[in-house]
Amino acid sequence: MAKRDDYLSWNEYYMSIAIIASMRSKDESTQVGACLVDKNNRLLTIGYNGTPIGWDDDFFPWEREGERLNTKYPYVCHAERNAIDNFRGNHESIEGATLYVNLFPCNECAKSIIQSGIKNVIYLSDKYAESEDTKAAKRMFDMCRVTYRQIDIPKTITINLSESQGKNKVKRLN
């Protein structure tokens, strides 16, 4: 019997984890997930954009517009930052790691990525490519030798979590 040829690549696997993490976000307009992987392709941590620990998200200002202090922007914790902050291992494990994220990091997250020693960023969307924050993030990554690469995964992955279906299966549709 030959080995399966329809298994997930590392990029598909870890980007899928980032996307699943993004589904935890309560933000109605932007759901972002991230996962951090060490040099040996071991998952270190995950994060998603959401409220700070201790802030009940039922009372969080999720608005995008209005008086700044009544919007989400000064308060929300980004997925990349949460993934880094959630990590409970030693610093050496993050050195040279890869961050998978479904949206290109902002300049503030770029600072945390650089300071933590992450050396690679793999992302799906760069919808804010023309914003000053994204341009600043790319400038910092370039200066600090953090590689970043957009990937395209032209597959649909369906995950059935229903116990009534028997064995949980992942179905890839090309």
C-alpha atoms as a PDB file:
ATOM      1  CA  MET A   1       0.000   0.000   0.000  1.00  0.00           C
ATOM      2  CA  ALA A   2       1.325   3.446  -0.946  1.00  0.00           C
ATOM      3  CA  LYS A   3       1.230   6.448   1.360  1.00  0.00           C
ATOM      4  CA  ARG A   4      -1.583   8.965   0.954  1.00  0.00           C
ATOM      5  CA  ASP A   5      -0.881  11.793  -1.438  1.00  0.00           C
ATOM      6  CA  ASP A   6      -3.701  14.097  -0.303  1.00  0.00           C
ATOM      7  CA  TYR A   7      -2.238  15.030   3.093  1.00  0.00           C
ATOM      8  CA  LEU A   8      -1.787  18.670   4.113  1.00  0.00           C
ATOM      9  CA  SER A   9       1.518  20.438   3.460  1.00  0.00           C
ATOM     10  CA  TRP A  10       3.097  22.235   6.430  1.00  0.00           C
ATOM     11  CA  ASN A  11       1.856  25.574   5.057  1.00  0.00           C
ATOM     12  CA  GLU A  12      -1.685  24.236   4.642  1.00  0.00           C
ATOM     13  CA  TYR A  13      -1.623  22.643   8.076  1.00  0.00           C
ATOM     14  CA  TYR A  14      -0.397  25.663  10.018  1.00  0.00           C
ATOM     15  CA  MET A  15      -2.420  28.216   8.057  1.00  0.00           C
ATOM     16  CA  SER A  16      -5.496  26.073   8.756  1.00  0.00           C
ATOM     17  CA  ILE A  17      -4.699  26.265  12.470  1.00  0.00           C
ATOM     18  CA  ALA A  18      -4.378  30.059  12.203  1.00  0.00           C
ATOM     19  CA  ILE A  19      -7.722  30.285  10.413  1.00  0.00           C
ATOM     20  CA  ILE A  20      -9.415  28.045  12.982  1.00  0.00           C
ATOM     21  CA  ALA A  21      -7.952  30.246  15.746  1.00  0.00           C
ATOM     22  CA  SER A  22      -9.417  33.310  13.992  1.00  0.00           C
ATOM     23  CA  MET A  23     -12.872  31.765  14.405  1.00  0.00           C
ATOM     24  CA  ARG A  24     -12.570  32.436  18.163  1.00  0.00           C
ATOM     25  CA  SER A  25     -12.520  36.199  17.529  1.00  0.00           C
ATOM     26  CA  LYS A  26     -15.670  38.093  18.487  1.00  0.00           C
ATOM     27  CA  ASP A  27     -14.756  40.973  16.143  1.00  0.00           C
ATOM     28  CA  GLU A  28     -17.540  41.207  13.591  1.00  0.00           C
ATOM     29  CA  SER A  29     -15.437  42.939  10.926  1.00  0.00           C
ATOM     30  CA  THR A  30     -11.999  41.307  11.134  1.00  0.00           C
ATOM     31  CA  GLN A  31     -11.124  37.868  12.458  1.00  0.00           C
ATOM     32  CA  VAL A  32      -7.404  37.190  12.621  1.00  0.00           C
ATOM     33  CA  GLY A  33      -5.642  34.085  13.867  1.00  0.00           C
ATOM     34  CA  ALA A  34      -1.972  33.240  14.238  1.00  0.00           C
ATOM     35  CA  CYS A  35       0.161  30.287  15.186  1.00  0.00           C
ATOM     36  CA  LEU A  36       3.835  30.146  15.977  1.00  0.00           C
ATOM     37  CA  VAL A  37       5.951  27.208  14.818  1.00  0.00           C
ATOM     38  CA  ASP A  38       9.538  26.420  15.786  1.00  0.00           C
ATOM     39  CA  LYS A  39      12.408  25.510  13.438  1.00  0.00           C
ATOM     40  CA  ASN A  40      11.447  21.821  13.699  1.00  0.00           C
ATOM     41  CA  ASN A  41       7.823  22.364  12.587  1.00  0.00           C
ATOM     42  CA  ARG A  42       6.452  22.023  16.112  1.00  0.00           C
ATOM     43  CA  LEU A  43       3.486  24.159  17.109  1.00  0.00           C
ATOM     44  CA  LEU A  44       4.462  26.510  19.951  1.00  0.00           C
ATOM     45  CA  THR A  45       1.373  28.651  20.499  1.00  0.00           C
ATOM     46  CA  ILE A  46      -1.703  30.204  18.915  1.00  0.00           C
ATOM     47  CA  GLY A  47      -3.596  33.475  19.257  1.00  0.00           C
ATOM     48  CA  TYR A  48      -6.496  35.441  17.839  1.00  0.00           C
ATOM     49  CA  ASN A  49      -7.626  39.058  18.004  1.00  0.00           C
ATOM     50  CA  GLY A  50      -9.754  39.764  21.033  1.00  0.00           C
ATOM     51  CA  THR A  51     -10.191  41.446  24.359  1.00  0.00           C
ATOM     52  CA  PRO A  52      -7.488  41.657  27.009  1.00  0.00           C
ATOM     53  CA  ILE A  53      -7.674  39.022  29.742  1.00  0.00           C
ATOM     54  CA  GLY A  54     -10.195  40.118  32.344  1.00  0.00           C
ATOM     55  CA  TRP A  55     -12.238  42.358  30.011  1.00  0.00           C
ATOM     56  CA  ASP A  56     -15.680  40.856  29.437  1.00  0.00           C
ATOM     57  CA  ASP A  57     -16.156  40.998  25.656  1.00  0.00           C
ATOM     58  CA  ASP A  58     -19.881  41.634  26.175  1.00  0.00           C
ATOM     59  CA  PHE A  59     -18.875  45.117  27.351  1.00  0.00           C
ATOM     60  CA  PHE A  60     -16.097  45.678  24.804  1.00  0.00           C
ATOM     61  CA  PRO A  61     -16.474  48.505  22.244  1.00  0.00           C
ATOM     62  CA  TRP A  62     -16.326  46.544  18.972  1.00  0.00           C
ATOM     63  CA  GLU A  63     -17.157  49.608  16.846  1.00  0.00           C
ATOM     64  CA  ARG A  64     -14.843  50.629  14.012  1.00  0.00           C
ATOM     65  CA  GLU A  65     -15.913  54.262  13.820  1.00  0.00           C
ATOM     66  CA  GLY A  66     -16.642  57.032  16.274  1.00  0.00           C
ATOM     67  CA  GLU A  67     -14.751  58.601  19.136  1.00  0.00           C
ATOM     68  CA  ARG A  68     -11.488  56.648  19.352  1.00  0.00           C
ATOM     69  CA  LEU A  69     -11.958  55.650  23.000  1.00  0.00           C
ATOM     70  CA  ASN A  70     -15.328  54.145  22.058  1.00  0.00           C
ATOM     71  CA  THR A  71     -13.892  51.973  19.258  1.00  0.00           C
ATOM     72  CA  LYS A  72     -12.001  48.696  19.370  1.00  0.00           C
ATOM     73  CA  TYR A  73      -8.690  50.142  18.140  1.00  0.00           C
ATOM     74  CA  PRO A  74      -7.015  51.314  21.343  1.00  0.00           C
ATOM     75  CA  TYR A  75      -7.971  48.105  23.183  1.00  0.00           C
ATOM     76  CA  VAL A  76      -8.023  45.003  20.983  1.00  0.00           C
ATOM     77  CA  CYS A  77      -5.150  42.537  21.334  1.00  0.00           C
ATOM     78  CA  HIS A  78      -3.979  41.387  17.911  1.00  0.00           C
ATOM     79  CA  ALA A  79      -3.581  37.695  17.083  1.00  0.00           C
ATOM     80  CA  GLU A  80       0.185  37.895  16.541  1.00  0.00           C
ATOM     81  CA  ARG A  81       0.753  39.631  19.866  1.00  0.00           C
ATOM     82  CA  ASN A  82      -1.551  37.158  21.622  1.00  0.00           C
ATOM     83  CA  ALA A  83       0.337  34.206  20.142  1.00  0.00           C
ATOM     84  CA  ILE A  84       3.633  35.644  21.414  1.00  0.00           C
ATOM     85  CA  ASP A  85       2.192  36.597  24.818  1.00  0.00           C
ATOM     86  CA  ASN A  86       0.498  33.190  25.215  1.00  0.00           C
ATOM     87  CA  PHE A  87       3.787  31.316  24.761  1.00  0.00           C
ATOM     88  CA  ARG A  88       4.961  29.774  28.025  1.00  0.00           C
ATOM     89  CA  GLY A  89       8.229  28.175  26.911  1.00  0.00           C
ATOM     90  CA  ASN A  90      11.764  29.523  26.890  1.00  0.00           C
ATOM     91  CA  HIS A  91      12.960  32.321  24.618  1.00  0.00           C
ATOM     92  CA  GLU A  92      15.291  30.028  22.677  1.00  0.00           C
ATOM     93  CA  SER A  93      12.269  28.130  21.316  1.00  0.00           C
ATOM     94  CA  ILE A  94      10.997  31.259  19.542  1.00  0.00           C
ATOM     95  CA  GLU A  95      14.390  32.207  18.043  1.00  0.00           C
ATOM     96  CA  GLY A  96      14.116  31.643  14.297  1.00  0.00           C
ATOM     97  CA  ALA A  97      10.467  30.561  14.495  1.00  0.00           C
ATOM     98  CA  THR A  98       7.813  31.057  11.816  1.00  0.00           C
ATOM     99  CA  LEU A  99       4.554  32.906  12.388  1.00  0.00           C
ATOM    100  CA  TYR A 100       1.536  31.875  10.338  1.00  0.00           C
ATOM    101  CA  VAL A 101      -1.174  34.548  10.221  1.00  0.00           C
ATOM    102  CA  ASN A 102      -4.145  35.086   7.945  1.00  0.00           C
ATOM    103  CA  LEU A 103      -3.649  38.905   7.739  1.00  0.00           C
ATOM    104  CA  PHE A 104      -0.316  40.714   7.328  1.00  0.00           C
ATOM    105  CA  PRO A 105       0.855  42.104  10.702  1.00  0.00           C
ATOM    106  CA  CYS A 106       0.553  45.774  11.629  1.00  0.00           C
ATOM    107  CA  ASN A 107       3.566  47.851  12.680  1.00  0.00           C
ATOM    108  CA  GLU A 108       2.926  47.270  16.409  1.00  0.00           C
ATOM    109  CA  CYS A 109       2.809  43.495  15.954  1.00  0.00           C
ATOM    110  CA  ALA A 110       5.897  43.709  13.732  1.00  0.00           C
ATOM    111  CA  LYS A 111       7.815  45.190  16.671  1.00  0.00           C
ATOM    112  CA  SER A 112       6.776  42.276  18.906  1.00  0.00           C
ATOM    113  CA  ILE A 113       7.643  39.770  16.176  1.00  0.00           C
ATOM    114  CA  ILE A 114      11.106  41.255  15.747  1.00  0.00           C
ATOM    115  CA  GLN A 115      11.781  41.605  19.487  1.00  0.00           C
ATOM    116  CA  SER A 116      10.788  37.982  20.146  1.00  0.00           C
ATOM    117  CA  GLY A 117      13.242  36.610  17.557  1.00  0.00           C
ATOM    118  CA  ILE A 118      10.706  35.310  15.016  1.00  0.00           C
ATOM    119  CA  LYS A 119      12.421  35.211  11.617  1.00  0.00           C
ATOM    120  CA  ASN A 120       9.657  34.229   9.178  1.00  0.00           C
ATOM    121  CA  VAL A 121       6.107  35.442   8.636  1.00  0.00           C
ATOM    122  CA  ILE A 122       3.766  33.548   6.330  1.00  0.00           C
ATOM    123  CA  TYR A 123       0.438  35.225   5.626  1.00  0.00           C
ATOM    124  CA  LEU A 124      -2.654  34.902   3.432  1.00  0.00           C
ATOM    125  CA  SER A 125      -4.014  38.429   2.995  1.00  0.00           C
ATOM    126  CA  ASP A 126      -2.337  41.803   2.641  1.00  0.00           C
ATOM    127  CA  LYS A 127      -5.532  43.840   2.306  1.00  0.00           C
ATOM    128  CA  TYR A 128      -3.984  46.832   4.072  1.00  0.00           C
ATOM    129  CA  ALA A 129      -0.798  46.818   1.950  1.00  0.00           C
ATOM    130  CA  GLU A 130      -1.097  50.529   1.143  1.00  0.00           C
ATOM    131  CA  SER A 131      -1.564  51.643   4.758  1.00  0.00           C
ATOM    132  CA  GLU A 132       1.286  53.409   6.524  1.00  0.00           C
ATOM    133  CA  ASP A 133       1.219  50.813   9.327  1.00  0.00           C
ATOM    134  CA  THR A 134       1.775  47.955   6.877  1.00  0.00           C
ATOM    135  CA  LYS A 135       4.487  49.855   5.019  1.00  0.00           C
ATOM    136  CA  ALA A 136       6.216  50.527   8.354  1.00  0.00           C
ATOM    137  CA  ALA A 137       5.932  46.840   9.302  1.00  0.00           C
ATOM    138  CA  LYS A 138       7.538  45.773   6.017  1.00  0.00           C
ATOM    139  CA  ARG A 139      10.300  48.353   6.419  1.00  0.00           C
ATOM    140  CA  MET A 140      11.078  47.041   9.922  1.00  0.00           C
ATOM    141  CA  PHE A 141      10.994  43.408   8.735  1.00  0.00           C
ATOM    142  CA  ASP A 142      13.375  44.254   5.874  1.00  0.00           C
ATOM    143  CA  MET A 143      15.789  46.130   8.157  1.00  0.00           C
ATOM    144  CA  CYS A 144      15.748  43.365  10.780  1.00  0.00           C
ATOM    145  CA  ARG A 145      15.957  40.470   8.313  1.00  0.00           C
ATOM    146  CA  VAL A 146      12.546  38.984   9.044  1.00  0.00           C
ATOM    147  CA  THR A 147      11.319  37.283   5.895  1.00  0.00           C
ATOM    148  CA  TYR A 148       7.672  37.516   4.951  1.00  0.00           C
ATOM    149  CA  ARG A 149       5.830  35.657   2.251  1.00  0.00           C
ATOM    150  CA  GLN A 150       2.278  35.600   1.072  1.00  0.00           C
ATOM    151  CA  ILE A 151       0.935  32.183   0.220  1.00  0.00           C
ATOM    152  CA  ASP A 152      -2.047  31.153  -1.805  1.00  0.00           C
ATOM    153  CA  ILE A 153      -3.804  27.976  -0.795  1.00  0.00           C
ATOM    154  CA  PRO A 154      -6.281  27.263  -3.587  1.00  0.00           C
ATOM    155  CA  LYS A 155      -8.033  24.540  -1.616  1.00  0.00           C
ATOM    156  CA  THR A 156     -11.137  24.296   0.468  1.00  0.00           C
ATOM    157  CA  ILE A 157     -10.706  22.268   3.620  1.00  0.00           C
ATOM    158  CA  THR A 158     -13.836  21.038   5.342  1.00  0.00           C
ATOM    159  CA  ILE A 159     -13.696  19.773   8.896  1.00  0.00           C
ATOM    160  CA  ASN A 160     -16.609  17.771  10.241  1.00  0.00           C
ATOM    161  CA  LEU A 161     -16.642  17.864  14.035  1.00  0.00           C
ATOM    162  CA  SER A 162     -19.937  16.069  14.446  1.00  0.00           C
ATOM    163  CA  GLU A 163     -19.722  12.894  16.517  1.00  0.00           C
ATOM    164  CA  SER A 164     -22.866  11.629  14.806  1.00  0.00           C
ATOM    165  CA  GLN A 165     -20.826  11.285  11.631  1.00  0.00           C
ATOM    166  CA  GLY A 166     -18.548   8.735  13.265  1.00  0.00           C
ATOM    167  CA  LYS A 167     -14.864   9.280  12.643  1.00  0.00           C
ATOM    168  CA  ASN A 168     -13.890  12.947  12.273  1.00  0.00           C
ATOM    169  CA  LYS A 169     -12.637  13.565   8.771  1.00  0.00           C
ATOM    170  CA  VAL A 170     -10.908  16.331   6.919  1.00  0.00           C
ATOM    171  CA  LYS A 171     -11.939  16.663   3.317  1.00  0.00           C
ATOM    172  CA  ARG A 172      -9.831  18.666   0.886  1.00  0.00           C
ATOM    173  CA  LEU A 173     -11.557  20.051  -2.161  1.00  0.00           C
ATOM    174  CA  ASN A 174      -9.283  21.270  -4.930  1.00  0.00           C
END
